[in-house]
């Protein structure tokens, strides 16, 4: 029965896989396509594959069910592959296979030396299996260059290798020239424009696309190419117009989905609660980085990996609450509920600690074992945690890092300035130390954001006095639909958002596109709207690689 389901539901005929190329192609199709196979079926797939004598050295029990382990397996084989390329781009004669049957965590003293970003060192393979994978096979390389372009694999330094301009291999080598950066940007634009979601797409299509869009946005915002920036805005404007229409039809259906893979922010603590309950004695830590957009997470992720290359970051994305205001979306995280359940505090964040503790008390955790701390981002992470938690006793901890939000509200240099200042902040090491210390204390560590942000331009500031209860740059909130309509008639760029999951007397008027409720022509980085950059935010689980 399991094999029948694998074949006819997931398209995997395990008994027909008989070579390294066929096995690698099947695994790439599985993990690159984010195909979720239930664990019991993955176990059966591994069992059938191990019946083939040629696959006994492969770490199938790790790389079949776990996409992060699979990508790590590919990552450590890529330098070995490159080291065997001659100047003529031909494979040298293979050395004897030293890794067959090798256990994770052992090293190879005669493994090829590869110069990575950290310098020259003997490369020890952590995963058993063949030294060299057939990356250059025509059925494999079509996946590999996409994995590098999309950031799932990291390029390495390989200055001794002479590769033809335009070769697929260049995606896996740290750019040596502006032409290499240009090639990656072009490839990402091709992927993005080819896979633009539509109004009929599933929510999972939008979150998967948002991860690719974030890679492209991060690359362009960290560069200085004006043509790329213009193209990104043009594609983004069309994308957000489609996204806005999709939200009108589908957003309300996301609220009550199961929290197994959190689709909305209020699902996140419910997922943590399930994990704590299933583990029996587990501990959970949730870090909310206020205002961290998905493309800015890409910049942060790259720095975290450099600071601690043993960090495993299981990336996904989830939907923030609309309007994407801190008081709305962040309270939904700590309460585990839609905003309609906290109408009295919807305009403030002062009730977050109370909401967080109520949520966990409802799940059987003593108030004395629950911690909450906000206003973080600077200083010594160890001291911060020592003041907030009692390792071994505190079961759950909620932490708010508001440094990114502070950067955003003082930003005058647009999206590029945001990335630059976030990079400078992250290089100081507070976030990496915070995550590392929590892992050391035995917590399951998750990170998310309450909303993202977008660079926008003023289209006019309403002067309605005290009519609006909230007067933000991207959203104005009114107590009645009639008051909202009066302002909406005068500002055609704004959209009257239906109060989905919101209190009955809460009526947002949201600026459309890249417009903002500020003086004409002025530019800001803001939030509160319904652009994909504001609504779809990162959701990351941290682990530490062993070995």
Protein backbone atom coordinates (compact mmCIF):
# COMPACT_ATOMS: atom_id res chain seq x y z
CA UNK A 1 0.00 0.00 0.00
CA UNK A 2 2.81 2.40 0.86
CA UNK A 3 4.55 1.71 -2.45
CA UNK A 4 1.26 2.21 -4.30
CA UNK A 5 0.82 5.65 -2.67
CA UNK A 6 4.44 6.58 -3.39
CA UNK A 7 4.02 5.67 -7.03
CA UNK A 8 0.57 7.08 -7.82
CA UNK A 9 0.34 10.02 -5.42
CA UNK A 10 3.98 11.19 -5.25
CA UNK A 11 5.23 9.81 -8.57
CA UNK A 12 8.12 7.84 -7.05
CA UNK A 13 8.71 4.26 -8.23
CA UNK A 14 11.47 3.31 -5.80
CA UNK A 15 12.08 -0.15 -7.24
CA UNK A 16 12.93 1.39 -10.64
CA UNK A 17 15.67 3.66 -9.26
CA UNK A 18 18.92 1.85 -10.06
CA UNK A 19 21.72 4.42 -10.48
CA UNK A 20 23.21 7.40 -8.65
CA UNK A 21 21.81 9.76 -11.29
CA UNK A 22 18.29 8.34 -10.96
CA UNK A 23 18.47 8.49 -7.16
CA UNK A 24 19.79 12.07 -7.11
CA UNK A 25 17.21 13.15 -9.67
CA UNK A 26 14.38 11.66 -7.59
CA UNK A 27 15.63 13.36 -4.41
CA UNK A 28 16.05 16.71 -6.18
CA UNK A 29 12.53 16.50 -7.56
CA UNK A 30 11.27 15.68 -4.07
CA UNK A 31 13.07 18.40 -2.09
CA UNK A 32 13.32 21.18 -4.67
CA UNK A 33 9.59 20.81 -5.30
CA UNK A 34 8.90 20.90 -1.53
CA UNK A 35 6.92 17.67 -1.83
CA UNK A 36 5.90 16.65 1.69
CA UNK A 37 5.97 12.87 2.14
CA UNK A 38 4.53 11.50 5.40
CA UNK A 39 7.24 9.99 7.59
CA UNK A 40 5.85 6.47 7.36
CA UNK A 41 6.06 6.62 3.55
CA UNK A 42 9.56 8.10 3.70
CA UNK A 43 10.61 5.16 5.88
CA UNK A 44 9.30 2.71 3.30
CA UNK A 45 11.04 4.59 0.49
CA UNK A 46 14.35 4.39 2.36
CA UNK A 47 13.82 0.69 3.04
CA UNK A 48 13.23 -0.10 -0.64
CA UNK A 49 16.19 2.02 -1.78
CA UNK A 50 18.55 0.31 0.66
CA UNK A 51 17.70 -3.03 -0.97
CA UNK A 52 19.79 -1.79 -3.89
CA UNK A 53 23.43 -2.65 -3.15
CA UNK A 54 24.72 0.51 -4.81
CA UNK A 55 22.88 2.78 -2.35
CA UNK A 56 23.96 1.19 0.95
CA UNK A 57 26.62 3.86 1.57
CA UNK A 58 24.18 6.76 1.02
CA UNK A 59 22.75 8.46 4.15
CA UNK A 60 19.21 7.86 2.88
CA UNK A 61 17.67 7.69 6.36
CA UNK A 62 18.69 11.35 6.78
CA UNK A 63 18.42 12.91 3.32
CA UNK A 64 15.13 11.38 2.20
CA UNK A 65 12.83 12.73 4.97
CA UNK A 66 14.76 15.95 5.70
CA UNK A 67 15.27 18.57 2.99
CA UNK A 68 17.79 20.56 5.08
CA UNK A 69 19.93 17.44 5.52
CA UNK A 70 19.69 16.77 1.79
CA UNK A 71 20.82 20.29 0.87
CA UNK A 72 23.65 20.05 3.43
CA UNK A 73 24.69 16.77 1.79
CA UNK A 74 24.80 18.47 -1.62
CA UNK A 75 26.61 21.50 -0.20
CA UNK A 76 29.54 19.50 1.18
CA UNK A 77 29.86 17.46 -2.05
CA UNK A 78 29.97 20.56 -4.26
CA UNK A 79 33.57 21.58 -3.29
CA UNK A 80 34.71 18.00 -3.93
CA UNK A 81 33.12 18.13 -7.38
CA UNK A 82 34.81 21.45 -8.15
CA UNK A 83 38.19 20.28 -6.87
CA UNK A 84 38.19 17.56 -9.52
CA UNK A 85 37.62 19.90 -12.41
CA UNK A 86 40.68 20.60 -14.51
CA UNK A 87 41.36 23.82 -16.37
CA UNK A 88 39.66 22.21 -19.34
CA UNK A 89 36.54 21.71 -17.25
CA UNK A 90 37.01 17.93 -17.27
CA UNK A 91 36.83 15.55 -14.31
CA UNK A 92 40.19 14.28 -13.13
CA UNK A 93 40.65 10.59 -12.46
CA UNK A 94 38.62 9.67 -9.40
CA UNK A 95 40.47 8.93 -6.21
CA UNK A 96 39.45 5.84 -4.21
CA UNK A 97 36.16 6.29 -2.37
CA UNK A 98 37.18 7.06 1.21
CA UNK A 99 33.74 7.81 2.50
CA UNK A 100 31.75 4.62 1.94
CA UNK A 101 30.40 3.49 5.26
CA UNK A 102 31.90 6.49 7.04
CA UNK A 103 29.92 7.72 10.04
CA UNK A 104 28.72 11.27 10.38
CA UNK A 105 31.21 13.33 12.32
CA UNK A 106 34.35 11.44 11.15
CA UNK A 107 36.85 13.16 8.90
CA UNK A 108 38.95 12.27 5.86
CA UNK A 109 42.58 13.17 6.32
CA UNK A 110 43.20 12.83 2.58
CA UNK A 111 40.02 14.60 1.48
CA UNK A 112 40.64 17.23 -1.20
CA UNK A 113 41.60 20.66 0.10
CA UNK A 114 39.09 23.27 -0.98
CA UNK A 115 39.44 26.99 -0.40
CA UNK A 116 36.17 28.21 1.02
CA UNK A 117 35.18 31.65 2.27
CA UNK A 118 36.82 30.72 5.60
CA UNK A 119 40.15 29.90 3.97
CA UNK A 120 42.21 26.83 3.09
CA UNK A 121 41.46 23.68 5.02
CA UNK A 122 41.19 19.92 4.64
CA UNK A 123 37.59 19.16 3.80
CA UNK A 124 36.03 16.48 6.02
CA UNK A 125 32.73 15.05 4.86
CA UNK A 126 30.13 14.82 7.62
CA UNK A 127 27.71 12.72 5.58
CA UNK A 128 28.63 9.22 4.36
CA UNK A 129 28.16 8.30 0.72
CA UNK A 130 29.98 8.75 -2.57
CA UNK A 131 32.66 11.44 -2.68
CA UNK A 132 31.59 12.80 -6.04
CA UNK A 133 28.02 13.29 -7.12
CA UNK A 134 27.04 13.55 -10.82
CA UNK A 135 26.28 17.28 -10.65
CA UNK A 136 27.16 17.69 -14.33
CA UNK A 137 24.61 15.18 -15.63
CA UNK A 138 22.04 16.90 -17.81
CA UNK A 139 19.16 15.74 -15.59
CA UNK A 140 20.90 17.02 -12.44
CA UNK A 141 22.50 20.33 -13.35
CA UNK A 142 19.14 21.88 -14.28
CA UNK A 143 18.28 21.65 -10.56
CA UNK A 144 21.70 22.55 -9.17
CA UNK A 145 22.04 26.00 -10.73
CA UNK A 146 18.53 26.86 -9.54
CA UNK A 147 19.45 25.82 -6.01
CA UNK A 148 22.40 28.21 -6.01
CA UNK A 149 20.43 31.00 -7.65
CA UNK A 150 17.60 30.67 -5.10
CA UNK A 151 19.97 30.54 -2.12
CA UNK A 152 19.30 26.95 -1.05
CA UNK A 153 22.96 26.18 -1.72
CA UNK A 154 25.83 28.60 -1.06
CA UNK A 155 28.54 29.36 -3.65
CA UNK A 156 32.16 28.76 -2.62
CA UNK A 157 35.52 30.29 -3.58
CA UNK A 158 37.23 28.35 -6.36
CA UNK A 159 39.63 30.75 -8.04
CA UNK A 160 41.81 27.94 -9.38
CA UNK A 161 39.04 26.67 -11.66
CA UNK A 162 38.70 28.12 -15.14
CA UNK A 163 35.01 28.09 -16.09
CA UNK A 164 33.57 29.38 -19.32
CA UNK A 165 31.43 32.55 -19.05
CA UNK A 166 27.77 31.57 -18.90
CA UNK A 167 28.51 28.06 -17.63
CA UNK A 168 25.98 26.62 -15.18
CA UNK A 169 28.89 25.96 -12.80
CA UNK A 170 29.45 29.69 -12.22
CA UNK A 171 26.30 29.83 -10.06
CA UNK A 172 28.12 27.71 -7.47
CA UNK A 173 31.26 29.85 -7.33
CA UNK A 174 31.55 33.08 -5.34
CA UNK A 175 31.26 35.86 -7.95
CA UNK A 176 34.65 37.04 -9.13
CA UNK A 177 33.24 39.86 -11.24
CA UNK A 178 30.20 42.03 -11.78
CA UNK A 179 29.29 39.77 -14.70
CA UNK A 180 28.75 36.85 -12.30
CA UNK A 181 26.41 38.94 -10.13
CA UNK A 182 24.61 40.04 -13.28
CA UNK A 183 24.14 36.42 -14.32
CA UNK A 184 22.57 35.46 -10.99
CA UNK A 185 20.22 38.45 -11.05
CA UNK A 186 19.18 37.60 -14.62
CA UNK A 187 18.54 33.96 -13.68
CA UNK A 188 16.47 35.01 -10.67
CA UNK A 189 14.42 37.40 -12.78
CA UNK A 190 13.78 34.57 -15.24
CA UNK A 191 12.65 32.24 -12.46
CA UNK A 192 10.46 34.89 -10.83
CA UNK A 193 8.78 36.08 -14.02
CA UNK A 194 8.23 32.51 -15.16
CA UNK A 195 6.58 31.48 -11.88
CA UNK A 196 4.44 34.50 -10.97
CA UNK A 197 1.43 33.30 -8.95
CA UNK A 198 -2.08 34.08 -10.17
CA UNK A 199 -5.41 34.88 -8.54
CA UNK A 200 -6.18 31.13 -8.62
CA UNK A 201 -2.93 30.04 -6.95
CA UNK A 202 -2.85 28.25 -3.61
CA UNK A 203 -1.50 29.98 -0.52
CA UNK A 204 1.48 27.60 -0.61
CA UNK A 205 2.30 28.86 -4.10
CA UNK A 206 2.46 32.40 -2.75
CA UNK A 207 4.70 31.52 0.20
CA UNK A 208 7.03 29.46 -2.02
CA UNK A 209 7.19 32.31 -4.51
CA UNK A 210 7.79 34.86 -1.75
CA UNK A 211 11.01 33.04 -0.79
CA UNK A 212 12.32 33.37 -4.36
CA UNK A 213 11.18 37.00 -4.54
CA UNK A 214 13.03 37.69 -1.30
CA UNK A 215 16.29 36.26 -2.70
CA UNK A 216 16.01 38.54 -5.73
CA UNK A 217 15.03 41.59 -3.69
CA UNK A 218 17.90 41.10 -1.25
CA UNK A 219 20.42 40.76 -4.06
CA UNK A 220 19.22 43.92 -5.79
CA UNK A 221 18.81 46.05 -2.65
CA UNK A 222 22.35 45.10 -1.58
CA UNK A 223 23.65 46.19 -4.98
CA UNK A 224 23.63 49.51 -6.80
CA UNK A 225 22.28 48.73 -10.25
CA UNK A 226 19.57 51.30 -11.03
CA UNK A 227 18.21 49.27 -13.96
CA UNK A 228 17.72 46.22 -11.74
CA UNK A 229 15.97 48.34 -9.11
CA UNK A 230 13.59 49.78 -11.70
CA UNK A 231 12.83 46.33 -13.08
CA UNK A 232 12.23 44.98 -9.58
CA UNK A 233 9.72 47.76 -8.87
CA UNK A 234 7.91 47.20 -12.16
CA UNK A 235 7.58 43.45 -11.58
CA UNK A 236 6.70 44.10 -7.93
CA UNK A 237 3.89 46.51 -8.79
CA UNK A 238 2.25 43.97 -11.09
CA UNK A 239 2.85 41.22 -8.54
CA UNK A 240 1.25 43.17 -5.70
CA UNK A 241 -1.78 44.07 -7.79
CA UNK A 242 -2.39 40.34 -8.31
CA UNK A 243 -1.62 39.61 -4.65
CA UNK A 244 -4.17 42.20 -3.50
CA UNK A 245 -6.90 40.59 -5.60
CA UNK A 246 -5.90 37.12 -4.36
CA UNK A 247 -6.15 38.26 -0.75
CA UNK A 248 -9.70 39.52 -1.32
CA UNK A 249 -10.83 36.04 -2.30
CA UNK A 250 -8.64 33.77 -0.18
CA UNK A 251 -7.32 35.52 2.92
CA UNK A 252 -10.30 34.66 5.16
CA UNK A 253 -9.89 30.95 4.36
CA UNK A 254 -6.41 30.89 5.93
CA UNK A 255 -7.50 31.74 9.47
CA UNK A 256 -8.75 28.32 10.59
CA UNK A 257 -6.21 26.09 8.86
CA UNK A 258 -4.39 23.62 11.16
CA UNK A 259 -1.17 24.91 12.78
CA UNK A 260 0.99 21.92 11.84
CA UNK A 261 2.74 24.09 9.25
CA UNK A 262 1.71 27.59 10.40
CA UNK A 263 0.03 29.52 7.60
CA UNK A 264 -0.78 32.60 9.70
CA UNK A 265 1.06 34.16 12.61
CA UNK A 266 -1.48 33.19 15.25
CA UNK A 267 -0.82 29.53 14.30
CA UNK A 268 2.83 29.79 15.39
CA UNK A 269 2.40 29.48 19.20
CA UNK A 270 -0.13 26.70 18.62
CA UNK A 271 2.52 24.79 16.66
CA UNK A 272 5.00 25.35 19.50
CA UNK A 273 2.42 24.14 22.02
CA UNK A 274 1.93 20.92 20.05
CA UNK A 275 5.68 20.32 19.98
CA UNK A 276 6.02 20.93 23.72
CA UNK A 277 3.10 18.63 24.45
CA UNK A 278 4.39 15.85 22.19
CA UNK A 279 7.92 15.99 23.63
CA UNK A 280 6.68 15.82 27.20
CA UNK A 281 9.57 17.76 28.72
CA UNK A 282 10.46 20.06 25.81
CA UNK A 283 11.07 23.80 26.00
CA UNK A 284 10.26 26.39 23.35
CA UNK A 285 11.59 29.86 22.58
CA UNK A 286 9.97 32.25 20.11
CA UNK A 287 11.95 35.24 18.82
CA UNK A 288 9.83 37.90 17.11
CA UNK A 289 11.97 40.33 15.12
CA UNK A 290 9.68 43.33 14.82
CA UNK A 291 9.42 44.51 11.21
CA UNK A 292 11.82 42.02 9.59
CA UNK A 293 10.83 41.57 5.94
CA UNK A 294 11.49 38.31 4.15
CA UNK A 295 14.17 39.82 1.88
CA UNK A 296 15.90 41.28 4.93
CA UNK A 297 15.83 37.84 6.53
CA UNK A 298 17.87 36.63 3.52
CA UNK A 299 20.57 39.16 4.43
CA UNK A 300 20.40 38.14 8.11
CA UNK A 301 20.51 34.43 7.26
CA UNK A 302 23.73 34.80 5.27
CA UNK A 303 25.42 36.54 8.19
CA UNK A 304 24.17 34.01 10.75
CA UNK A 305 25.61 31.20 8.65
CA UNK A 306 29.00 32.93 8.57
CA UNK A 307 28.93 33.55 12.32
CA UNK A 308 27.94 29.95 13.15
CA UNK A 309 28.12 27.49 10.27
CA UNK A 310 26.70 24.74 12.48
CA UNK A 311 23.33 26.48 12.59
CA UNK A 312 20.62 24.69 10.63
CA UNK A 313 17.85 27.07 9.59
CA UNK A 314 14.62 25.44 8.46
CA UNK A 315 13.03 28.20 6.44
CA UNK A 316 9.43 28.76 5.53
CA UNK A 317 7.07 31.72 5.35
CA UNK A 318 3.73 32.65 6.86
CA UNK A 319 1.05 35.32 6.54
CA UNK A 320 0.90 38.31 8.86
CA UNK A 321 -2.38 39.85 9.96
CA UNK A 322 -3.85 42.63 7.88
CA UNK A 323 -3.48 45.51 8.53
CA UNK A 324 0.19 44.74 9.09
CA UNK A 325 0.49 46.93 12.16
CA UNK A 326 2.61 45.88 15.14
CA UNK A 327 -0.28 46.16 17.60
CA UNK A 328 -2.44 43.91 15.42
CA UNK A 329 -0.07 41.30 14.11
CA UNK A 330 2.34 40.96 17.03
CA UNK A 331 -0.45 40.54 19.56
CA UNK A 332 -1.90 37.77 17.40
CA UNK A 333 1.43 35.95 17.71
CA UNK A 334 1.60 36.13 21.49
CA UNK A 335 -2.09 35.42 22.02
CA UNK A 336 -2.34 32.60 19.48
CA UNK A 337 -5.65 34.12 18.36
CA UNK A 338 -7.09 36.39 15.64
CA UNK A 339 -7.27 40.10 16.58
CA UNK A 340 -11.05 39.98 17.15
CA UNK A 341 -10.23 38.31 20.49
CA UNK A 342 -8.30 41.29 21.87
CA UNK A 343 -10.39 44.36 20.84
CA UNK A 344 -9.57 46.38 23.95
CA UNK A 345 -5.80 46.27 23.31
CA UNK A 346 -5.69 46.25 19.51
CA UNK A 347 -4.12 49.71 19.37
CA UNK A 348 -1.34 48.92 21.85
CA UNK A 349 1.31 46.25 22.53
CA UNK A 350 1.20 46.59 26.32
CA UNK A 351 -0.92 43.45 26.80
CA UNK A 352 1.46 41.08 24.98
CA UNK A 353 2.98 39.55 28.09
CA UNK A 354 -0.44 38.91 29.61
CA UNK A 355 -1.72 37.37 26.36
CA UNK A 356 1.40 35.18 26.06
CA UNK A 357 1.07 33.86 29.59
CA UNK A 358 -2.67 33.25 29.22
CA UNK A 359 -2.04 31.21 26.07
CA UNK A 360 0.47 28.92 27.75
CA UNK A 361 -1.51 28.60 30.96
CA UNK A 362 -4.37 27.34 28.81
CA UNK A 363 -1.93 24.68 27.58
CA UNK A 364 -1.00 23.48 31.05
CA UNK A 365 2.18 25.48 31.67
CA UNK A 366 2.58 27.19 35.04
CA UNK A 367 2.79 30.99 34.94
CA UNK A 368 6.09 30.72 36.85
CA UNK A 369 7.58 28.74 33.93
CA UNK A 370 6.67 31.31 31.26
CA UNK A 371 8.95 34.21 30.31
CA UNK A 372 8.48 37.25 28.08
CA UNK A 373 10.89 40.09 27.30
CA UNK A 374 10.76 42.87 24.73
CA UNK A 375 12.91 45.81 23.67
CA UNK A 376 15.88 43.60 22.73
CA UNK A 377 18.51 43.95 20.04
CA UNK A 378 21.68 45.34 21.60
CA UNK A 379 24.11 44.44 24.33
CA UNK A 380 25.20 41.04 25.57
CA UNK A 381 22.74 38.28 24.69
CA UNK A 382 23.85 36.08 27.59
CA UNK A 383 23.10 38.82 30.12
CA UNK A 384 19.71 39.44 28.52
CA UNK A 385 18.76 35.76 28.85
CA UNK A 386 20.14 35.49 32.38
CA UNK A 387 17.79 38.29 33.39
CA UNK A 388 14.77 36.85 31.56
CA UNK A 389 14.84 33.07 32.08
CA UNK A 390 15.91 30.33 34.46
CA UNK A 391 17.46 27.53 32.35
CA UNK A 392 16.07 24.18 33.35
CA UNK A 393 12.93 25.74 34.83
CA UNK A 394 11.52 28.21 32.29
CA UNK A 395 9.55 26.10 29.80
CA UNK A 396 8.60 28.74 27.24
CA UNK A 397 10.00 32.15 26.43
CA UNK A 398 8.80 34.88 24.09
CA UNK A 399 11.33 37.52 23.02
CA UNK A 400 10.78 40.69 20.98
CA UNK A 401 13.78 42.06 19.09
CA UNK A 402 12.74 45.53 17.98
CA UNK A 403 16.02 46.77 16.48
CA UNK A 404 14.86 46.33 12.87
CA UNK A 405 11.66 48.29 13.52
CA UNK A 406 13.70 51.12 15.04
CA UNK A 407 15.95 51.14 11.99
CA UNK A 408 12.89 51.24 9.72
CA UNK A 409 11.22 54.18 11.44
CA UNK A 410 14.39 56.24 11.21
CA UNK A 411 15.27 55.20 7.68
CA UNK A 412 15.76 57.89 5.04
CA UNK A 413 17.79 55.87 2.51
CA UNK A 414 15.07 53.47 1.33
CA UNK A 415 15.26 49.69 0.98
CA UNK A 416 19.01 49.72 0.26
CA UNK A 417 19.64 51.64 3.49
CA UNK A 418 17.51 49.14 5.42
CA UNK A 419 19.62 46.21 4.22
CA UNK A 420 22.86 48.04 4.94
CA UNK A 421 21.92 48.98 8.51
CA UNK A 422 20.41 45.57 9.28
CA UNK A 423 23.64 43.99 8.05
CA UNK A 424 25.70 46.27 10.31
CA UNK A 425 23.49 45.42 13.29
CA UNK A 426 23.60 41.69 12.62
CA UNK A 427 27.39 41.72 12.28
CA UNK A 428 27.61 42.78 15.94
CA UNK A 429 26.45 39.25 16.79
CA UNK A 430 23.54 39.84 19.16
CA UNK A 431 21.02 37.73 17.22
CA UNK A 432 23.46 34.89 16.57
CA UNK A 433 24.43 34.80 20.25
CA UNK A 434 20.76 34.90 21.31
CA UNK A 435 19.87 31.94 19.13
CA UNK A 436 23.01 30.03 20.10
CA UNK A 437 22.48 30.48 23.83
CA UNK A 438 18.86 29.37 23.61
CA UNK A 439 19.92 26.24 21.71
CA UNK A 440 22.59 25.57 24.33
CA UNK A 441 19.91 25.80 27.04
CA UNK A 442 17.90 23.11 25.25
CA UNK A 443 15.11 25.21 23.73
CA UNK A 444 13.42 24.58 20.41
CA UNK A 445 14.13 27.99 18.85
CA UNK A 446 11.81 29.64 16.35
CA UNK A 447 12.03 33.06 14.72
CA UNK A 448 9.40 35.07 12.90
CA UNK A 449 8.32 38.68 12.33
CA UNK A 450 5.05 40.50 12.94
CA UNK A 451 5.18 42.25 9.55
CA UNK A 452 7.55 43.25 6.79
CA UNK A 453 8.09 46.62 5.15
CA UNK A 454 8.23 48.27 1.75
CA UNK A 455 9.70 51.42 0.28
CA UNK A 456 6.84 53.70 -0.75
CA UNK A 457 6.08 57.24 -1.94
CA UNK A 458 3.66 59.81 -0.57
CA UNK A 459 0.35 60.20 -2.41
CA UNK A 460 -1.32 62.66 -0.03
CA UNK A 461 -1.93 62.99 3.70
CA UNK A 462 -5.57 63.03 4.88
CA UNK A 463 -6.36 65.80 7.35
CA UNK A 464 -9.39 64.29 9.03
CA UNK A 465 -8.44 65.33 12.58
CA UNK A 466 -9.53 62.82 15.20
CA UNK A 467 -11.80 60.85 12.87
CA UNK A 468 -9.13 58.20 12.34
CA UNK A 469 -8.23 56.14 15.40
CA UNK A 470 -4.93 55.05 13.84
CA UNK A 471 -3.05 57.32 11.45
CA UNK A 472 -0.18 55.38 9.90
CA UNK A 473 1.76 55.92 6.71
CA UNK A 474 0.23 52.86 5.01
CA UNK A 475 -3.06 52.42 6.87
CA UNK A 476 -5.71 54.55 8.58
CA UNK A 477 -8.24 52.90 10.89
CA UNK A 478 -11.82 54.21 11.44
CA UNK A 479 -14.55 53.24 13.91
CA UNK A 480 -17.30 53.09 11.24
CA UNK A 481 -17.38 52.23 7.53
CA UNK A 482 -19.11 55.55 6.78
CA UNK A 483 -16.21 57.61 8.16
CA UNK A 484 -13.79 55.46 6.23
CA UNK A 485 -15.72 55.87 2.98
CA UNK A 486 -15.56 59.66 3.25
CA UNK A 487 -11.77 59.56 3.18
CA UNK A 488 -11.61 56.73 0.63
CA UNK A 489 -13.59 58.83 -1.87
CA UNK A 490 -10.89 61.49 -1.76
CA UNK A 491 -7.93 59.08 -1.92
CA UNK A 492 -8.57 56.66 -4.76
CA UNK A 493 -5.25 54.87 -4.27
CA UNK A 494 -6.52 53.50 -0.94
CA UNK A 495 -8.48 50.31 -0.38
CA UNK A 496 -11.27 49.67 2.11
CA UNK A 497 -10.21 46.42 3.74
CA UNK A 498 -12.99 44.21 5.05
CA UNK A 499 -12.62 43.47 8.79
CA UNK A 500 -11.62 39.81 8.36
CA UNK A 501 -10.82 38.42 11.81
CA UNK A 502 -10.83 41.96 13.25
CA UNK A 503 -13.02 43.58 15.92
CA UNK A 504 -16.45 44.67 14.71
CA UNK A 505 -15.65 48.39 15.06
CA UNK A 506 -12.28 48.27 13.31
CA UNK A 507 -12.30 49.48 9.67
CA UNK A 508 -8.91 49.87 7.94
CA UNK A 509 -8.25 52.02 4.89
CA UNK A 510 -5.06 50.69 3.32
CA UNK A 511 -2.84 52.47 0.81
CA UNK A 512 -2.51 50.47 -2.40
CA UNK A 513 0.65 49.65 -4.35
CA UNK A 514 3.66 51.66 -3.16
CA UNK A 515 1.56 54.66 -2.14
CA UNK A 516 1.60 56.10 1.38
CA UNK A 517 -0.49 58.55 3.40
CA UNK A 518 2.27 61.15 3.53
CA UNK A 519 3.06 64.37 1.66
CA UNK A 520 3.22 64.06 -2.11
CA UNK A 521 6.55 62.83 -3.41
CA UNK A 522 8.12 62.05 -0.04
CA UNK A 523 9.70 58.62 0.27
CA UNK A 524 9.64 56.32 3.32
CA UNK A 525 10.03 52.68 4.33
CA UNK A 526 6.70 51.78 5.91
CA UNK A 527 4.31 49.00 6.85
CA UNK A 528 0.62 48.46 7.48
CA UNK A 529 -0.38 47.60 3.92
CA UNK A 530 -1.01 44.51 1.82
CA UNK A 531 2.09 44.23 -0.36
CA UNK A 532 3.71 40.79 -0.43
CA UNK A 533 6.77 42.37 1.24
CA UNK A 534 4.61 43.36 4.23
CA UNK A 535 2.24 40.39 4.52
CA UNK A 536 4.39 37.28 3.95
CA UNK A 537 7.04 37.07 6.67
CA UNK A 538 9.80 34.60 7.59
CA UNK A 539 9.24 31.61 9.85
CA UNK A 540 12.44 29.81 10.80
CA UNK A 541 13.26 26.93 13.11
CA UNK A 542 16.85 26.76 14.31
CA UNK A 543 18.79 23.62 15.09
CA UNK A 544 22.46 22.90 15.54
CA UNK A 545 24.20 20.49 13.20
CA UNK A 546 25.88 17.63 15.04
CA UNK A 547 29.29 16.34 13.99
